[in-house]
Amino acid sequence: MGEALLQIHKSYLQLITELKTVDGVDGFSHITGGGIEGNTKRILPDNLSLNVDWDAWDRPEIFKLIQSIGNVPEEDMRSSLNLGIGLIAVVKPNAVEEVKKRASKLGEDCIEIGIIG
C-alpha cells in the first residue's frame, strides 16, 4: 500500500495541450481532493448538472483497499478521492471520437464516464 501511495503524480500537460485544440472540448477538470463531482462542477455553468456513471470504469485496487480497511462509506469515497480518474475533459458529443483518437495517439486511455445536462 505504501508503494502505491508514494507513486509520482501523473502529468496531464501533454494531453491537455493536445486536446485543448479540438473544437468541442469545453474544459478540463483535474481530479484532486474534492472528488470527481466536486472538481468538475466547478467548471460547469450553474444551469448544467453532472451525471456520473460510477460503473463506467474499474477502480484501482488501492481504492478498494482504502474503502475496505478504513470502512469508508461510498459517498465519502466519491466526494474525497479520484477513484482512478485523474483528468476529465468536458466534451461536446460531436467531438468525442476526435478526443479519443488524439488521446490514444498519446498512449492515454479515454473513458466516457458520464453526461452533462
N, C-alpha and C. Protein backbone atom coordinates (compact mmCIF):
# COMPACT_ATOMS: atom_id res chain seq x y z
N MET A 1 0.83 -1.19 0.00
CA MET A 1 0.00 0.00 0.00
C MET A 1 0.88 1.25 0.00
N GLY A 2 1.95 1.22 0.77
CA GLY A 2 2.85 2.36 0.83
C GLY A 2 3.42 2.73 -0.52
N GLU A 3 3.82 1.72 -1.30
CA GLU A 3 4.36 1.99 -2.64
C GLU A 3 3.33 2.66 -3.53
N ALA A 4 2.10 2.21 -3.47
CA ALA A 4 1.04 2.80 -4.28
C ALA A 4 0.80 4.25 -3.90
N LEU A 5 0.84 4.54 -2.61
CA LEU A 5 0.59 5.90 -2.14
C LEU A 5 1.74 6.85 -2.44
N LEU A 6 2.92 6.31 -2.67
CA LEU A 6 4.10 7.15 -2.93
C LEU A 6 4.39 7.34 -4.41
N GLN A 7 3.55 6.81 -5.29
CA GLN A 7 3.78 6.98 -6.72
C GLN A 7 3.74 8.45 -7.11
N ILE A 8 4.55 8.81 -8.07
CA ILE A 8 4.65 10.19 -8.55
C ILE A 8 3.36 10.55 -9.29
N HIS A 9 2.92 11.78 -9.07
CA HIS A 9 1.72 12.29 -9.73
C HIS A 9 1.93 12.32 -11.24
N LYS A 10 0.92 11.90 -11.96
CA LYS A 10 0.96 11.90 -13.41
C LYS A 10 0.73 13.31 -13.94
N SER A 11 1.52 13.69 -14.92
CA SER A 11 1.34 14.99 -15.57
C SER A 11 0.39 14.84 -16.75
N TYR A 12 -0.57 15.75 -16.83
CA TYR A 12 -1.52 15.75 -17.94
C TYR A 12 -1.23 16.87 -18.94
N LEU A 13 -0.08 17.50 -18.82
CA LEU A 13 0.25 18.64 -19.67
C LEU A 13 0.19 18.31 -21.15
N GLN A 14 0.82 17.23 -21.57
CA GLN A 14 0.83 16.89 -22.99
C GLN A 14 -0.58 16.60 -23.50
N LEU A 15 -1.36 15.87 -22.71
CA LEU A 15 -2.72 15.54 -23.11
C LEU A 15 -3.59 16.79 -23.22
N ILE A 16 -3.53 17.64 -22.22
CA ILE A 16 -4.33 18.88 -22.24
C ILE A 16 -3.90 19.77 -23.40
N THR A 17 -2.60 19.87 -23.61
CA THR A 17 -2.09 20.71 -24.71
C THR A 17 -2.65 20.23 -26.04
N GLU A 18 -2.73 18.92 -26.23
CA GLU A 18 -3.27 18.36 -27.48
C GLU A 18 -4.78 18.54 -27.56
N LEU A 19 -5.49 18.22 -26.50
CA LEU A 19 -6.96 18.21 -26.56
C LEU A 19 -7.57 19.61 -26.57
N LYS A 20 -6.88 20.58 -26.02
CA LYS A 20 -7.48 21.92 -25.99
C LYS A 20 -7.58 22.54 -27.38
N THR A 21 -6.94 21.93 -28.37
CA THR A 21 -7.04 22.42 -29.75
C THR A 21 -8.24 21.82 -30.49
N VAL A 22 -8.91 20.86 -29.86
CA VAL A 22 -10.06 20.19 -30.50
C VAL A 22 -11.31 21.04 -30.31
N ASP A 23 -11.96 21.38 -31.41
CA ASP A 23 -13.22 22.10 -31.34
C ASP A 23 -14.26 21.20 -30.67
N GLY A 24 -14.86 21.69 -29.60
CA GLY A 24 -15.83 20.89 -28.87
C GLY A 24 -15.34 20.45 -27.51
N VAL A 25 -14.07 20.68 -27.21
CA VAL A 25 -13.56 20.44 -25.86
C VAL A 25 -13.77 21.74 -25.09
N ASP A 26 -14.62 21.66 -24.07
CA ASP A 26 -15.05 22.86 -23.36
C ASP A 26 -14.34 23.11 -22.05
N GLY A 27 -13.61 22.15 -21.54
CA GLY A 27 -12.91 22.38 -20.29
C GLY A 27 -12.30 21.10 -19.75
N PHE A 28 -11.46 21.28 -18.73
CA PHE A 28 -10.77 20.18 -18.08
C PHE A 28 -10.93 20.29 -16.58
N SER A 29 -11.04 19.16 -15.95
CA SER A 29 -11.14 19.09 -14.50
C SER A 29 -10.07 18.12 -14.01
N HIS A 30 -9.10 18.65 -13.24
CA HIS A 30 -8.08 17.80 -12.63
C HIS A 30 -8.65 17.30 -11.32
N ILE A 31 -8.77 15.99 -11.19
CA ILE A 31 -9.47 15.42 -10.06
C ILE A 31 -8.50 15.20 -8.90
N THR A 32 -8.64 16.06 -7.91
CA THR A 32 -7.81 16.00 -6.71
C THR A 32 -8.77 15.88 -5.52
N GLY A 33 -8.38 16.37 -4.37
CA GLY A 33 -9.29 16.37 -3.23
C GLY A 33 -10.59 17.06 -3.62
N GLY A 34 -11.69 16.49 -3.28
CA GLY A 34 -12.98 17.02 -3.68
C GLY A 34 -13.70 16.10 -4.63
N GLY A 35 -13.00 15.07 -5.10
CA GLY A 35 -13.60 14.05 -5.93
C GLY A 35 -14.00 14.51 -7.32
N ILE A 36 -14.57 13.59 -8.06
CA ILE A 36 -14.96 13.81 -9.45
C ILE A 36 -16.03 14.89 -9.56
N GLU A 37 -17.11 14.74 -8.81
CA GLU A 37 -18.20 15.71 -8.91
C GLU A 37 -17.79 17.10 -8.41
N GLY A 38 -17.16 17.15 -7.26
CA GLY A 38 -16.79 18.44 -6.69
C GLY A 38 -15.88 19.25 -7.59
N ASN A 39 -14.89 18.60 -8.17
CA ASN A 39 -13.95 19.30 -9.04
C ASN A 39 -14.56 19.66 -10.39
N THR A 40 -15.36 18.76 -10.94
CA THR A 40 -15.90 19.00 -12.28
C THR A 40 -17.04 20.02 -12.26
N LYS A 41 -17.83 20.04 -11.21
CA LYS A 41 -18.91 21.03 -11.12
C LYS A 41 -18.37 22.46 -11.14
N ARG A 42 -17.14 22.64 -10.70
CA ARG A 42 -16.53 23.98 -10.67
C ARG A 42 -16.37 24.58 -12.06
N ILE A 43 -16.27 23.74 -13.08
CA ILE A 43 -16.05 24.27 -14.43
C ILE A 43 -17.33 24.31 -15.26
N LEU A 44 -18.45 23.91 -14.65
CA LEU A 44 -19.73 23.90 -15.38
C LEU A 44 -20.54 25.15 -15.04
N PRO A 45 -21.26 25.68 -16.00
CA PRO A 45 -22.20 26.77 -15.68
C PRO A 45 -23.25 26.27 -14.68
N ASP A 46 -23.78 27.17 -13.88
CA ASP A 46 -24.73 26.82 -12.83
C ASP A 46 -25.97 26.10 -13.35
N ASN A 47 -26.34 26.34 -14.60
CA ASN A 47 -27.56 25.73 -15.13
C ASN A 47 -27.35 24.30 -15.65
N LEU A 48 -26.12 23.78 -15.56
CA LEU A 48 -25.84 22.42 -16.02
C LEU A 48 -25.52 21.51 -14.84
N SER A 49 -25.85 20.23 -15.01
CA SER A 49 -25.55 19.25 -13.96
C SER A 49 -24.70 18.13 -14.53
N LEU A 50 -24.06 17.42 -13.64
CA LEU A 50 -23.16 16.33 -13.99
C LEU A 50 -23.79 15.01 -13.56
N ASN A 51 -23.83 14.06 -14.47
CA ASN A 51 -24.37 12.75 -14.17
C ASN A 51 -23.28 11.72 -14.44
N VAL A 52 -22.63 11.23 -13.36
CA VAL A 52 -21.51 10.30 -13.48
C VAL A 52 -22.02 8.87 -13.47
N ASP A 53 -21.51 8.07 -14.39
CA ASP A 53 -21.77 6.63 -14.40
C ASP A 53 -20.63 5.98 -13.60
N TRP A 54 -20.89 5.70 -12.34
CA TRP A 54 -19.86 5.20 -11.43
C TRP A 54 -19.39 3.79 -11.79
N ASP A 55 -20.07 3.13 -12.70
CA ASP A 55 -19.69 1.79 -13.13
C ASP A 55 -18.97 1.79 -14.47
N ALA A 56 -18.63 2.96 -15.00
CA ALA A 56 -18.02 3.06 -16.32
C ALA A 56 -16.55 2.63 -16.35
N TRP A 57 -15.91 2.50 -15.21
CA TRP A 57 -14.51 2.10 -15.15
C TRP A 57 -14.29 1.22 -13.93
N ASP A 58 -13.19 0.49 -13.98
CA ASP A 58 -12.79 -0.34 -12.85
C ASP A 58 -11.86 0.48 -11.96
N ARG A 59 -12.21 0.58 -10.70
CA ARG A 59 -11.37 1.31 -9.75
C ARG A 59 -10.08 0.55 -9.50
N PRO A 60 -8.99 1.28 -9.40
CA PRO A 60 -7.74 0.63 -9.00
C PRO A 60 -7.89 -0.01 -7.62
N GLU A 61 -7.18 -1.08 -7.42
CA GLU A 61 -7.28 -1.84 -6.18
C GLU A 61 -7.00 -1.01 -4.93
N ILE A 62 -6.14 -0.01 -5.04
CA ILE A 62 -5.81 0.81 -3.86
C ILE A 62 -7.06 1.45 -3.26
N PHE A 63 -8.01 1.85 -4.10
CA PHE A 63 -9.23 2.48 -3.59
C PHE A 63 -10.15 1.46 -2.93
N LYS A 64 -10.17 0.25 -3.47
CA LYS A 64 -10.95 -0.81 -2.84
C LYS A 64 -10.38 -1.14 -1.47
N LEU A 65 -9.05 -1.14 -1.37
CA LEU A 65 -8.39 -1.43 -0.11
C LEU A 65 -8.65 -0.32 0.92
N ILE A 66 -8.53 0.92 0.50
CA ILE A 66 -8.80 2.06 1.39
C ILE A 66 -10.22 1.99 1.92
N GLN A 67 -11.16 1.72 1.03
CA GLN A 67 -12.56 1.66 1.44
C GLN A 67 -12.80 0.52 2.42
N SER A 68 -12.21 -0.62 2.14
CA SER A 68 -12.43 -1.79 2.98
C SER A 68 -11.76 -1.66 4.35
N ILE A 69 -10.47 -1.37 4.35
CA ILE A 69 -9.73 -1.28 5.61
C ILE A 69 -10.23 -0.11 6.46
N GLY A 70 -10.51 1.00 5.80
CA GLY A 70 -10.94 2.19 6.53
C GLY A 70 -12.42 2.24 6.82
N ASN A 71 -13.16 1.24 6.31
CA ASN A 71 -14.61 1.23 6.47
C ASN A 71 -15.21 2.58 6.02
N VAL A 72 -14.78 3.02 4.84
CA VAL A 72 -15.17 4.33 4.31
C VAL A 72 -16.45 4.18 3.49
N PRO A 73 -17.48 4.94 3.82
CA PRO A 73 -18.72 4.87 3.04
C PRO A 73 -18.50 5.30 1.58
N GLU A 74 -19.29 4.73 0.69
CA GLU A 74 -19.18 5.05 -0.74
C GLU A 74 -19.28 6.55 -0.99
N GLU A 75 -20.20 7.21 -0.35
CA GLU A 75 -20.37 8.66 -0.55
C GLU A 75 -19.09 9.42 -0.21
N ASP A 76 -18.41 9.02 0.85
CA ASP A 76 -17.16 9.68 1.23
C ASP A 76 -16.05 9.39 0.22
N MET A 77 -16.01 8.17 -0.31
CA MET A 77 -15.03 7.84 -1.33
C MET A 77 -15.22 8.74 -2.55
N ARG A 78 -16.46 8.88 -2.99
CA ARG A 78 -16.76 9.68 -4.18
C ARG A 78 -16.49 11.16 -3.97
N SER A 79 -16.72 11.66 -2.78
CA SER A 79 -16.57 13.09 -2.56
C SER A 79 -15.14 13.50 -2.18
N SER A 80 -14.28 12.52 -1.93
CA SER A 80 -12.93 12.85 -1.47
C SER A 80 -11.81 12.42 -2.42
N LEU A 81 -12.02 11.36 -3.18
CA LEU A 81 -10.94 10.75 -3.95
C LEU A 81 -11.25 10.73 -5.44
N ASN A 82 -10.22 10.52 -6.25
CA ASN A 82 -10.45 10.49 -7.69
C ASN A 82 -10.88 9.12 -8.21
N LEU A 83 -10.71 8.09 -7.40
CA LEU A 83 -11.15 6.73 -7.73
C LEU A 83 -10.58 6.22 -9.04
N GLY A 84 -9.41 6.73 -9.41
CA GLY A 84 -8.73 6.28 -10.61
C GLY A 84 -8.92 7.15 -11.83
N ILE A 85 -9.70 8.21 -11.70
CA ILE A 85 -9.91 9.16 -12.80
C ILE A 85 -9.17 10.45 -12.44
N GLY A 86 -8.06 10.70 -13.11
CA GLY A 86 -7.23 11.85 -12.75
C GLY A 86 -7.57 13.13 -13.49
N LEU A 87 -8.14 12.99 -14.68
CA LEU A 87 -8.46 14.16 -15.50
C LEU A 87 -9.77 13.91 -16.23
N ILE A 88 -10.60 14.92 -16.24
CA ILE A 88 -11.85 14.85 -17.00
C ILE A 88 -11.84 15.97 -18.04
N ALA A 89 -12.17 15.60 -19.26
CA ALA A 89 -12.36 16.58 -20.32
C ALA A 89 -13.86 16.68 -20.56
N VAL A 90 -14.38 17.88 -20.52
CA VAL A 90 -15.79 18.12 -20.84
C VAL A 90 -15.86 18.34 -22.34
N VAL A 91 -16.56 17.43 -23.02
CA VAL A 91 -16.51 17.37 -24.48
C VAL A 91 -17.91 17.30 -25.07
N LYS A 92 -18.16 18.11 -26.08
CA LYS A 92 -19.43 18.03 -26.80
C LYS A 92 -19.51 16.68 -27.52
N PRO A 93 -20.71 16.13 -27.66
CA PRO A 93 -20.86 14.81 -28.29
C PRO A 93 -20.19 14.68 -29.65
N ASN A 94 -20.22 15.73 -30.45
CA ASN A 94 -19.63 15.63 -31.80
C ASN A 94 -18.10 15.61 -31.80
N ALA A 95 -17.47 15.83 -30.64
CA ALA A 95 -16.01 15.84 -30.57
C ALA A 95 -15.44 14.61 -29.85
N VAL A 96 -16.30 13.75 -29.35
CA VAL A 96 -15.84 12.61 -28.54
C VAL A 96 -14.88 11.71 -29.31
N GLU A 97 -15.21 11.34 -30.52
CA GLU A 97 -14.35 10.42 -31.28
C GLU A 97 -12.99 11.04 -31.57
N GLU A 98 -12.96 12.34 -31.87
CA GLU A 98 -11.68 13.01 -32.12
C GLU A 98 -10.83 13.04 -30.84
N VAL A 99 -11.46 13.29 -29.72
CA VAL A 99 -10.74 13.29 -28.43
C VAL A 99 -10.17 11.90 -28.16
N LYS A 100 -10.96 10.88 -28.37
CA LYS A 100 -10.48 9.51 -28.15
C LYS A 100 -9.30 9.18 -29.06
N LYS A 101 -9.39 9.59 -30.32
CA LYS A 101 -8.33 9.33 -31.28
C LYS A 101 -7.02 10.01 -30.86
N ARG A 102 -7.13 11.28 -30.49
CA ARG A 102 -5.91 12.00 -30.11
C ARG A 102 -5.33 11.49 -28.79
N ALA A 103 -6.19 11.17 -27.84
CA ALA A 103 -5.72 10.62 -26.57
C ALA A 103 -5.01 9.29 -26.80
N SER A 104 -5.58 8.46 -27.65
CA SER A 104 -4.97 7.16 -27.96
C SER A 104 -3.59 7.32 -28.58
N LYS A 105 -3.44 8.29 -29.47
CA LYS A 105 -2.13 8.54 -30.10
C LYS A 105 -1.07 8.90 -29.06
N LEU A 106 -1.51 9.45 -27.93
CA LEU A 106 -0.58 9.80 -26.85
C LEU A 106 -0.43 8.67 -25.83
N GLY A 107 -1.07 7.55 -26.11
CA GLY A 107 -0.98 6.41 -25.20
C GLY A 107 -1.88 6.53 -23.98
N GLU A 108 -2.89 7.36 -24.07
CA GLU A 108 -3.80 7.58 -22.95
C GLU A 108 -5.10 6.82 -23.15
N ASP A 109 -5.61 6.27 -22.05
CA ASP A 109 -6.93 5.65 -22.08
C ASP A 109 -7.98 6.75 -21.98
N CYS A 110 -9.07 6.56 -22.65
CA CYS A 110 -10.15 7.53 -22.64
C CYS A 110 -11.44 6.78 -22.35
N ILE A 111 -12.11 7.20 -21.28
CA ILE A 111 -13.34 6.53 -20.83
C ILE A 111 -14.45 7.55 -20.74
N GLU A 112 -15.58 7.25 -21.34
CA GLU A 112 -16.75 8.10 -21.17
C GLU A 112 -17.38 7.75 -19.83
N ILE A 113 -17.38 8.71 -18.90
CA ILE A 113 -17.85 8.39 -17.55
C ILE A 113 -19.16 9.08 -17.17
N GLY A 114 -19.73 9.80 -18.09
CA GLY A 114 -20.99 10.45 -17.74
C GLY A 114 -21.43 11.46 -18.77
N ILE A 115 -22.48 12.17 -18.41
CA ILE A 115 -23.02 13.20 -19.29
C ILE A 115 -23.31 14.46 -18.49
N ILE A 116 -23.39 15.55 -19.21
CA ILE A 116 -23.73 16.84 -18.62
C ILE A 116 -25.05 17.26 -19.22
N GLY A 117 -25.94 17.70 -18.36
CA GLY A 117 -27.26 18.09 -18.86
C GLY A 117 -27.81 19.31 -18.18
